[in-house]
């Protein structure tokens, strides 16, 4: 099956999930992620706000805030095309749609951090495999934002975690040379280490 077909099929499957199942899956995935040492030791955590049927990160956000962690949401880089920075956000802060209709926090230069300044990044995805390969929406935003990891031998920066429903797992995702692999994937069923 070609990537565009996988994207279309899995996105349709996600959107068709029962709301009750979605809520339970979000809670179960949160219970798998938050006890991990990489989560408990992280001070700066980036996550996304679910859209298009994605696994909801709200339980993780609530847990992180209760633990006193700083939470960040991705924002389109103000200058560099198809790249992300991350803006500090707390529940209740104002959000505005970006040019793709995705909610972003209001930000000032003082509330933005570069990708390498984070400890943990919870990333959305369309499909994944157990080797840490991720298929996103096709724009390459996360890959461009974390491409600097290819040039690091020892310190690789934040721990990159894919966050998805188990149904999004594929036997194999072909990786291109620019695809940044995940360190782990968390689903409602388990944690896959990349």
C-alpha atoms as a PDB file:
ATOM      1  CA  UNK A   1       0.000   0.000   0.000  1.00  0.00           C
ATOM      2  CA  UNK A   2       1.466   3.397  -0.941  1.00  0.00           C
ATOM      3  CA  UNK A   3       1.944   6.118   1.713  1.00  0.00           C
ATOM      4  CA  UNK A   4      -0.882   8.367   0.451  1.00  0.00           C
ATOM      5  CA  UNK A   5      -3.278   5.417   0.725  1.00  0.00           C
ATOM      6  CA  UNK A   6      -2.029   4.536   4.212  1.00  0.00           C
ATOM      7  CA  UNK A   7      -2.474   8.155   5.263  1.00  0.00           C
ATOM      8  CA  UNK A   8      -6.020   8.319   3.927  1.00  0.00           C
ATOM      9  CA  UNK A   9      -7.065   4.961   5.369  1.00  0.00           C
ATOM     10  CA  UNK A  10      -5.618   5.492   8.855  1.00  0.00           C
ATOM     11  CA  UNK A  11      -6.867   9.052   9.116  1.00  0.00           C
ATOM     12  CA  UNK A  12     -10.369   7.821   8.218  1.00  0.00           C
ATOM     13  CA  UNK A  13     -10.082   5.008  10.797  1.00  0.00           C
ATOM     14  CA  UNK A  14      -9.013   7.464  13.513  1.00  0.00           C
ATOM     15  CA  UNK A  15     -11.868   9.825  12.754  1.00  0.00           C
ATOM     16  CA  UNK A  16     -14.403   6.983  12.867  1.00  0.00           C
ATOM     17  CA  UNK A  17     -13.426   5.818  16.377  1.00  0.00           C
ATOM     18  CA  UNK A  18     -16.163   5.926  18.994  1.00  0.00           C
ATOM     19  CA  UNK A  19     -15.785   8.971  21.313  1.00  0.00           C
ATOM     20  CA  UNK A  20     -15.911   6.713  24.378  1.00  0.00           C
ATOM     21  CA  UNK A  21     -13.082   4.577  23.005  1.00  0.00           C
ATOM     22  CA  UNK A  22     -11.056   7.722  22.257  1.00  0.00           C
ATOM     23  CA  UNK A  23     -11.400   8.946  25.846  1.00  0.00           C
ATOM     24  CA  UNK A  24     -10.453   5.535  27.295  1.00  0.00           C
ATOM     25  CA  UNK A  25      -7.484   5.223  24.914  1.00  0.00           C
ATOM     26  CA  UNK A  26      -6.217   8.690  25.894  1.00  0.00           C
ATOM     27  CA  UNK A  27      -6.363   7.782  29.587  1.00  0.00           C
ATOM     28  CA  UNK A  28      -4.669   4.407  29.031  1.00  0.00           C
ATOM     29  CA  UNK A  29      -1.892   5.929  26.908  1.00  0.00           C
ATOM     30  CA  UNK A  30      -1.340   8.603  29.559  1.00  0.00           C
ATOM     31  CA  UNK A  31      -1.028   5.880  32.209  1.00  0.00           C
ATOM     32  CA  UNK A  32       1.658   4.206  30.091  1.00  0.00           C
ATOM     33  CA  UNK A  33       3.626   7.381  29.382  1.00  0.00           C
ATOM     34  CA  UNK A  34       3.622   9.326  32.634  1.00  0.00           C
ATOM     35  CA  UNK A  35       5.383   6.735  34.871  1.00  0.00           C
ATOM     36  CA  UNK A  36       8.339   6.472  32.458  1.00  0.00           C
ATOM     37  CA  UNK A  37      11.542   7.955  33.868  1.00  0.00           C
ATOM     38  CA  UNK A  38      11.990  10.145  30.781  1.00  0.00           C
ATOM     39  CA  UNK A  39       8.614  11.737  31.555  1.00  0.00           C
ATOM     40  CA  UNK A  40       9.051  12.083  35.315  1.00  0.00           C
ATOM     41  CA  UNK A  41      12.501  13.681  34.924  1.00  0.00           C
ATOM     42  CA  UNK A  42      11.491  16.031  32.078  1.00  0.00           C
ATOM     43  CA  UNK A  43      11.030  19.707  32.932  1.00  0.00           C
ATOM     44  CA  UNK A  44      10.071  21.001  29.464  1.00  0.00           C
ATOM     45  CA  UNK A  45       7.545  18.865  27.616  1.00  0.00           C
ATOM     46  CA  UNK A  46       6.175  19.597  24.159  1.00  0.00           C
ATOM     47  CA  UNK A  47       2.939  18.034  23.025  1.00  0.00           C
ATOM     48  CA  UNK A  48       0.209  18.676  20.506  1.00  0.00           C
ATOM     49  CA  UNK A  49      -3.500  19.357  20.777  1.00  0.00           C
ATOM     50  CA  UNK A  50      -5.363  16.537  19.055  1.00  0.00           C
ATOM     51  CA  UNK A  51      -7.049  17.174  15.713  1.00  0.00           C
ATOM     52  CA  UNK A  52      -8.274  14.958  12.885  1.00  0.00           C
ATOM     53  CA  UNK A  53      -8.974  12.039  15.237  1.00  0.00           C
ATOM     54  CA  UNK A  54      -5.464  11.986  16.774  1.00  0.00           C
ATOM     55  CA  UNK A  55      -4.912  10.386  20.178  1.00  0.00           C
ATOM     56  CA  UNK A  56      -5.750  13.111  22.706  1.00  0.00           C
ATOM     57  CA  UNK A  57      -2.864  14.429  24.816  1.00  0.00           C
ATOM     58  CA  UNK A  58      -5.096  16.330  27.261  1.00  0.00           C
ATOM     59  CA  UNK A  59      -4.679  13.741  30.078  1.00  0.00           C
ATOM     60  CA  UNK A  60      -0.892  14.022  29.662  1.00  0.00           C
ATOM     61  CA  UNK A  61      -1.057  17.813  29.670  1.00  0.00           C
ATOM     62  CA  UNK A  62      -3.138  17.804  32.860  1.00  0.00           C
ATOM     63  CA  UNK A  63      -0.732  15.366  34.561  1.00  0.00           C
ATOM     64  CA  UNK A  64       2.316  17.358  33.461  1.00  0.00           C
ATOM     65  CA  UNK A  65       0.827  20.620  34.751  1.00  0.00           C
ATOM     66  CA  UNK A  66      -0.083  18.960  38.068  1.00  0.00           C
ATOM     67  CA  UNK A  67       3.575  17.879  38.365  1.00  0.00           C
ATOM     68  CA  UNK A  68       4.768  21.468  37.797  1.00  0.00           C
ATOM     69  CA  UNK A  69       6.260  20.848  34.360  1.00  0.00           C
ATOM     70  CA  UNK A  70       6.439  23.481  31.636  1.00  0.00           C
ATOM     71  CA  UNK A  71       4.283  22.493  28.658  1.00  0.00           C
ATOM     72  CA  UNK A  72       4.836  23.706  25.119  1.00  0.00           C
ATOM     73  CA  UNK A  73       2.829  23.490  21.913  1.00  0.00           C
ATOM     74  CA  UNK A  74       4.274  23.575  18.398  1.00  0.00           C
ATOM     75  CA  UNK A  75       4.024  26.831  16.467  1.00  0.00           C
ATOM     76  CA  UNK A  76       5.008  27.454  12.887  1.00  0.00           C
ATOM     77  CA  UNK A  77       8.497  28.938  12.809  1.00  0.00           C
ATOM     78  CA  UNK A  78       8.117  32.687  12.266  1.00  0.00           C
ATOM     79  CA  UNK A  79      10.823  32.796   9.570  1.00  0.00           C
ATOM     80  CA  UNK A  80      12.063  29.352   8.506  1.00  0.00           C
ATOM     81  CA  UNK A  81       9.676  27.532   6.171  1.00  0.00           C
ATOM     82  CA  UNK A  82       8.150  24.244   7.316  1.00  0.00           C
ATOM     83  CA  UNK A  83       9.838  24.235  10.716  1.00  0.00           C
ATOM     84  CA  UNK A  84       8.563  24.434  14.258  1.00  0.00           C
ATOM     85  CA  UNK A  85       9.400  26.220  17.445  1.00  0.00           C
ATOM     86  CA  UNK A  86       7.521  25.593  20.656  1.00  0.00           C
ATOM     87  CA  UNK A  87       5.511  28.090  22.723  1.00  0.00           C
ATOM     88  CA  UNK A  88       4.838  27.860  26.454  1.00  0.00           C
ATOM     89  CA  UNK A  89       1.175  27.073  27.091  1.00  0.00           C
ATOM     90  CA  UNK A  90      -1.074  26.418  30.067  1.00  0.00           C
ATOM     91  CA  UNK A  91      -4.680  25.224  29.943  1.00  0.00           C
ATOM     92  CA  UNK A  92      -6.871  28.273  29.541  1.00  0.00           C
ATOM     93  CA  UNK A  93      -4.299  30.288  27.581  1.00  0.00           C
ATOM     94  CA  UNK A  94      -5.609  31.808  24.347  1.00  0.00           C
ATOM     95  CA  UNK A  95      -5.218  29.810  21.142  1.00  0.00           C
ATOM     96  CA  UNK A  96      -5.489  31.029  17.550  1.00  0.00           C
ATOM     97  CA  UNK A  97      -5.631  28.982  14.336  1.00  0.00           C
ATOM     98  CA  UNK A  98      -2.479  29.065  12.207  1.00  0.00           C
ATOM     99  CA  UNK A  99      -2.570  29.062   8.405  1.00  0.00           C
ATOM    100  CA  UNK A 100      -3.543  25.354   8.445  1.00  0.00           C
ATOM    101  CA  UNK A 101      -6.338  25.873  10.972  1.00  0.00           C
ATOM    102  CA  UNK A 102      -4.317  24.214  13.772  1.00  0.00           C
ATOM    103  CA  UNK A 103      -4.610  25.917  17.162  1.00  0.00           C
ATOM    104  CA  UNK A 104      -1.447  27.668  18.348  1.00  0.00           C
ATOM    105  CA  UNK A 105      -0.862  29.659  21.537  1.00  0.00           C
ATOM    106  CA  UNK A 106      -0.274  33.381  21.449  1.00  0.00           C
ATOM    107  CA  UNK A 107       3.454  33.864  21.814  1.00  0.00           C
ATOM    108  CA  UNK A 108       6.163  36.408  22.234  1.00  0.00           C
ATOM    109  CA  UNK A 109       9.857  35.765  21.602  1.00  0.00           C
ATOM    110  CA  UNK A 110      10.286  35.191  25.353  1.00  0.00           C
ATOM    111  CA  UNK A 111       7.769  32.321  25.395  1.00  0.00           C
ATOM    112  CA  UNK A 112       9.308  30.398  22.466  1.00  0.00           C
ATOM    113  CA  UNK A 113      11.910  27.665  22.785  1.00  0.00           C
ATOM    114  CA  UNK A 114      13.901  25.951  20.084  1.00  0.00           C
ATOM    115  CA  UNK A 115      13.408  22.203  19.613  1.00  0.00           C
ATOM    116  CA  UNK A 116      16.726  21.279  21.239  1.00  0.00           C
ATOM    117  CA  UNK A 117      15.800  23.112  24.453  1.00  0.00           C
ATOM    118  CA  UNK A 118      13.053  20.592  25.262  1.00  0.00           C
ATOM    119  CA  UNK A 119      13.392  17.421  27.345  1.00  0.00           C
ATOM    120  CA  UNK A 120      10.533  15.412  25.858  1.00  0.00           C
ATOM    121  CA  UNK A 121       8.486  15.847  22.676  1.00  0.00           C
ATOM    122  CA  UNK A 122       5.191  14.006  22.237  1.00  0.00           C
ATOM    123  CA  UNK A 123       4.590  13.909  18.499  1.00  0.00           C
ATOM    124  CA  UNK A 124       1.469  13.212  16.476  1.00  0.00           C
ATOM    125  CA  UNK A 125       1.664  10.726  13.633  1.00  0.00           C
ATOM    126  CA  UNK A 126      -0.453   8.953  11.065  1.00  0.00           C
ATOM    127  CA  UNK A 127       1.362   5.596  11.139  1.00  0.00           C
ATOM    128  CA  UNK A 128       4.356   4.006  12.863  1.00  0.00           C
ATOM    129  CA  UNK A 129       6.280   0.771  13.092  1.00  0.00           C
ATOM    130  CA  UNK A 130       8.000  -0.840  16.057  1.00  0.00           C
ATOM    131  CA  UNK A 131      11.447   0.220  14.791  1.00  0.00           C
ATOM    132  CA  UNK A 132      10.680   3.893  15.548  1.00  0.00           C
ATOM    133  CA  UNK A 133       9.724   4.956  12.039  1.00  0.00           C
ATOM    134  CA  UNK A 134       6.960   7.518  11.812  1.00  0.00           C
ATOM    135  CA  UNK A 135       4.702   8.676   9.004  1.00  0.00           C
ATOM    136  CA  UNK A 136       3.341  12.152   9.607  1.00  0.00           C
ATOM    137  CA  UNK A 137       0.926  14.222   7.586  1.00  0.00           C
ATOM    138  CA  UNK A 138       3.497  14.698   4.829  1.00  0.00           C
ATOM    139  CA  UNK A 139       4.699  18.259   5.439  1.00  0.00           C
ATOM    140  CA  UNK A 140       7.977  17.286   7.123  1.00  0.00           C
ATOM    141  CA  UNK A 141       7.674  19.884   9.895  1.00  0.00           C
ATOM    142  CA  UNK A 142       8.892  17.641  12.715  1.00  0.00           C
ATOM    143  CA  UNK A 143      11.626  16.091  10.558  1.00  0.00           C
ATOM    144  CA  UNK A 144      13.006  19.517   9.605  1.00  0.00           C
ATOM    145  CA  UNK A 145      12.756  20.751  13.182  1.00  0.00           C
ATOM    146  CA  UNK A 146      14.731  17.801  14.581  1.00  0.00           C
ATOM    147  CA  UNK A 147      17.083  17.130  11.634  1.00  0.00           C
ATOM    148  CA  UNK A 148      20.009  18.473  13.702  1.00  0.00           C
ATOM    149  CA  UNK A 149      19.877  15.160  15.634  1.00  0.00           C
ATOM    150  CA  UNK A 150      21.559  13.458  12.652  1.00  0.00           C
ATOM    151  CA  UNK A 151      24.688  15.525  13.320  1.00  0.00           C
ATOM    152  CA  UNK A 152      24.933  14.616  17.008  1.00  0.00           C
ATOM    153  CA  UNK A 153      26.951  11.615  18.063  1.00  0.00           C
ATOM    154  CA  UNK A 154      26.249  11.622  21.787  1.00  0.00           C
ATOM    155  CA  UNK A 155      23.713  14.190  22.980  1.00  0.00           C
ATOM    156  CA  UNK A 156      20.609  13.762  20.835  1.00  0.00           C
ATOM    157  CA  UNK A 157      18.449  16.321  22.615  1.00  0.00           C
ATOM    158  CA  UNK A 158      14.855  15.683  23.649  1.00  0.00           C
ATOM    159  CA  UNK A 159      13.353  12.215  23.800  1.00  0.00           C
ATOM    160  CA  UNK A 160      10.988  11.943  20.801  1.00  0.00           C
ATOM    161  CA  UNK A 161       7.824   9.979  21.508  1.00  0.00           C
ATOM    162  CA  UNK A 162       5.174   9.135  18.943  1.00  0.00           C
ATOM    163  CA  UNK A 163       1.674   9.092  20.410  1.00  0.00           C
ATOM    164  CA  UNK A 164      -0.912   7.001  18.599  1.00  0.00           C
ATOM    165  CA  UNK A 165      -3.662   4.444  18.686  1.00  0.00           C
ATOM    166  CA  UNK A 166      -2.563   0.838  18.342  1.00  0.00           C
ATOM    167  CA  UNK A 167      -4.523   0.659  15.063  1.00  0.00           C
ATOM    168  CA  UNK A 168      -1.960   3.035  13.527  1.00  0.00           C
ATOM    169  CA  UNK A 169       0.842   0.444  13.814  1.00  0.00           C
ATOM    170  CA  UNK A 170       2.114  -0.896  10.502  1.00  0.00           C
ATOM    171  CA  UNK A 171       4.432  -3.853   9.824  1.00  0.00           C
ATOM    172  CA  UNK A 172       7.012  -1.509   8.280  1.00  0.00           C
ATOM    173  CA  UNK A 173       7.275   2.172   7.429  1.00  0.00           C
ATOM    174  CA  UNK A 174       9.883   2.993   4.788  1.00  0.00           C
ATOM    175  CA  UNK A 175      12.315   5.585   6.121  1.00  0.00           C
ATOM    176  CA  UNK A 176      13.784   8.265   3.882  1.00  0.00           C
ATOM    177  CA  UNK A 177      17.200   9.747   4.681  1.00  0.00           C
ATOM    178  CA  UNK A 178      15.580  12.892   6.123  1.00  0.00           C
ATOM    179  CA  UNK A 179      13.100  11.051   8.393  1.00  0.00           C
ATOM    180  CA  UNK A 180      14.019  11.522  12.046  1.00  0.00           C
ATOM    181  CA  UNK A 181      13.361   8.275  13.949  1.00  0.00           C
ATOM    182  CA  UNK A 182      11.390   8.160  17.175  1.00  0.00           C
ATOM    183  CA  UNK A 183      12.890   7.050  20.478  1.00  0.00           C
ATOM    184  CA  UNK A 184       9.591   5.437  21.498  1.00  0.00           C
ATOM    185  CA  UNK A 185       5.917   5.151  20.577  1.00  0.00           C
ATOM    186  CA  UNK A 186       3.169   5.075  23.199  1.00  0.00           C
ATOM    187  CA  UNK A 187      -0.257   3.639  22.442  1.00  0.00           C
ATOM    188  CA  UNK A 188      -3.206   2.696  24.609  1.00  0.00           C
ATOM    189  CA  UNK A 189      -1.825  -0.873  24.698  1.00  0.00           C
ATOM    190  CA  UNK A 190       1.916  -0.544  25.220  1.00  0.00           C
ATOM    191  CA  UNK A 191       5.184   1.365  24.888  1.00  0.00           C
ATOM    192  CA  UNK A 192       7.388   0.525  21.902  1.00  0.00           C
ATOM    193  CA  UNK A 193      11.025   1.515  22.311  1.00  0.00           C
ATOM    194  CA  UNK A 194      12.545   2.632  18.980  1.00  0.00           C
END
